C-alpha atoms as a PDB file:
ATOM      1  CA  MET A   1      37.529   4.868  36.822  1.00  0.00           C
ATOM      2  CA  GLY A   2      37.780   8.178  34.946  1.00  0.00           C
ATOM      3  CA  LEU A   3      39.660   6.554  32.091  1.00  0.00           C
ATOM      4  CA  ALA A   4      36.993   3.881  31.722  1.00  0.00           C
ATOM      5  CA  MET A   5      34.215   6.481  31.712  1.00  0.00           C
ATOM      6  CA  THR A   6      36.059   8.537  29.094  1.00  0.00           C
ATOM      7  CA  ALA A   7      36.586   5.460  26.933  1.00  0.00           C
ATOM      8  CA  ALA A   8      32.889   4.527  27.211  1.00  0.00           C
ATOM      9  CA  LEU A   9      31.838   8.060  26.302  1.00  0.00           C
ATOM     10  CA  LEU A  10      34.136   8.116  23.263  1.00  0.00           C
ATOM     11  CA  LEU A  11      32.833   4.724  22.181  1.00  0.00           C
ATOM     12  CA  CYS A  12      29.227   5.935  22.388  1.00  0.00           C
ATOM     13  CA  LEU A  13      29.985   9.162  20.507  1.00  0.00           C
ATOM     14  CA  GLY A  14      31.910   7.256  17.858  1.00  0.00           C
ATOM     15  CA  GLY A  15      29.021   4.842  17.404  1.00  0.00           C
ATOM     16  CA  TYR A  16      26.575   7.722  17.046  1.00  0.00           C
ATOM     17  CA  ALA A  17      28.863   9.408  14.491  1.00  0.00           C
ATOM     18  CA  VAL A  18      28.976   6.216  12.438  1.00  0.00           C
ATOM     19  CA  LEU A  19      25.189   5.883  12.699  1.00  0.00           C
ATOM     20  CA  CYS A  20      24.738   9.479  11.492  1.00  0.00           C
ATOM     21  CA  ALA A  21      27.073   8.842   8.564  1.00  0.00           C
ATOM     22  CA  VAL A  22      25.439   5.570   7.520  1.00  0.00           C
ATOM     23  CA  LYS A  23      21.800   6.423   8.244  1.00  0.00           C
ATOM     24  CA  PRO A  24      21.351  10.217   8.477  1.00  0.00           C
ATOM     25  CA  PHE A  25      17.538  10.071   8.614  1.00  0.00           C
ATOM     26  CA  ALA A  26      15.339   8.558  11.327  1.00  0.00           C
ATOM     27  CA  ALA A  27      11.596   8.110  11.695  1.00  0.00           C
ATOM     28  CA  CYS A  28       9.722  11.202  12.867  1.00  0.00           C
ATOM     29  CA  ARG A  29       9.121  11.073  16.616  1.00  0.00           C
ATOM     30  CA  ARG A  30       5.728  12.743  16.561  1.00  0.00           C
ATOM     31  CA  CYS A  31       4.030  10.539  13.954  1.00  0.00           C
ATOM     32  CA  THR A  32       6.379   7.518  14.400  1.00  0.00           C
ATOM     33  CA  GLY A  33       7.053   7.515  10.668  1.00  0.00           C
ATOM     34  CA  THR A  34       3.461   7.375   9.418  1.00  0.00           C
ATOM     35  CA  GLY A  35       3.190  10.972   8.186  1.00  0.00           C
ATOM     36  CA  THR A  36      -0.176  11.586   9.838  1.00  0.00           C
ATOM     37  CA  VAL A  37      -1.382  12.494  13.327  1.00  0.00           C
ATOM     38  CA  GLN A  38      -4.871  12.517  14.831  1.00  0.00           C
ATOM     39  CA  ARG A  39      -6.177  16.039  15.411  1.00  0.00           C
ATOM     40  CA  PHE A  40      -9.740  16.451  16.659  1.00  0.00           C
ATOM     41  CA  GLY A  41     -10.565  12.918  15.512  1.00  0.00           C
ATOM     42  CA  LYS A  42      -9.348  13.440  11.950  1.00  0.00           C
ATOM     43  CA  PRO A  43      -6.069  12.305  10.430  1.00  0.00           C
ATOM     44  CA  ARG A  44      -3.908  15.311   9.520  1.00  0.00           C
ATOM     45  CA  THR A  45      -0.473  15.715   7.995  1.00  0.00           C
ATOM     46  CA  CYS A  46       2.240  15.651  10.645  1.00  0.00           C
ATOM     47  CA  PRO A  47       3.395  19.245  11.310  1.00  0.00           C
ATOM     48  CA  ARG A  48       6.889  18.205  12.381  1.00  0.00           C
ATOM     49  CA  CYS A  49       7.932  16.194   9.313  1.00  0.00           C
ATOM     50  CA  ARG A  50       5.262  17.666   6.972  1.00  0.00           C
ATOM     51  CA  GLY A  51       4.288  14.175   5.859  1.00  0.00           C
ATOM     52  CA  ARG A  52       7.802  13.211   4.742  1.00  0.00           C
ATOM     53  CA  LEU A  53       7.978  10.442   7.395  1.00  0.00           C
ATOM     54  CA  LEU A  54      11.635  11.140   8.226  1.00  0.00           C
ATOM     55  CA  ARG A  55      13.688  13.657  10.173  1.00  0.00           C
ATOM     56  CA  LEU A  56      17.373  14.520  10.030  1.00  0.00           C
ATOM     57  CA  ARG A  57      19.308  13.286  13.070  1.00  0.00           C
ATOM     58  CA  ALA A  58      20.761  15.940  15.395  1.00  0.00           C
ATOM     59  CA  GLY A  59      24.320  14.728  14.814  1.00  0.00           C
ATOM     60  CA  ARG A  60      23.943  14.915  11.060  1.00  0.00           C
ATOM     61  CA  ARG A  61      22.405  18.395  11.333  1.00  0.00           C
ATOM     62  CA  ALA A  62      25.448  19.512  13.364  1.00  0.00           C
ATOM     63  CA  HIS A  63      27.815  17.913  10.847  1.00  0.00           C
ATOM     64  CA  ASN A  64      26.078  19.665   7.928  1.00  0.00           C
ATOM     65  CA  ALA A  65      26.293  23.025   9.733  1.00  0.00           C
ATOM     66  CA  TRP A  66      30.008  22.495  10.428  1.00  0.00           C
ATOM     67  CA  ARG A  67      30.690  21.583   6.787  1.00  0.00           C
ATOM     68  CA  ARG A  68      28.716  24.612   5.555  1.00  0.00           C
ATOM     69  CA  THR A  69      30.695  26.932   7.858  1.00  0.00           C
ATOM     70  CA  HIS A  70      34.017  25.372   6.859  1.00  0.00           C
ATOM     71  CA  ARG A  71      33.202  25.604   3.147  1.00  0.00           C
ATOM     72  CA  ALA A  72      32.170  29.274   3.495  1.00  0.00           C
ATOM     73  CA  GLY A  73      35.353  30.118   5.372  1.00  0.00           C
ATOM     74  CA  THR A  74      37.747  28.492   2.906  1.00  0.00           C
ATOM     75  CA  ARG A  75      36.449  30.046  -0.306  1.00  0.00           C
END
């Protein structure tokens, strides 16, 4: 049972890692990729993505931070 759960967890994490490598950006969750939100009845620029429509995935953000730390430590 534990081995199967571990294998399933590793499969999910591996799939997410591949997804982050292939497609590092996803649609913004607040504006659903439109770049605008309704504020007081008027369309405004989305404050989360600043109108760029995309956000960096959490896994890719972690990978970039790890690479930055590794590169700074090996200079």
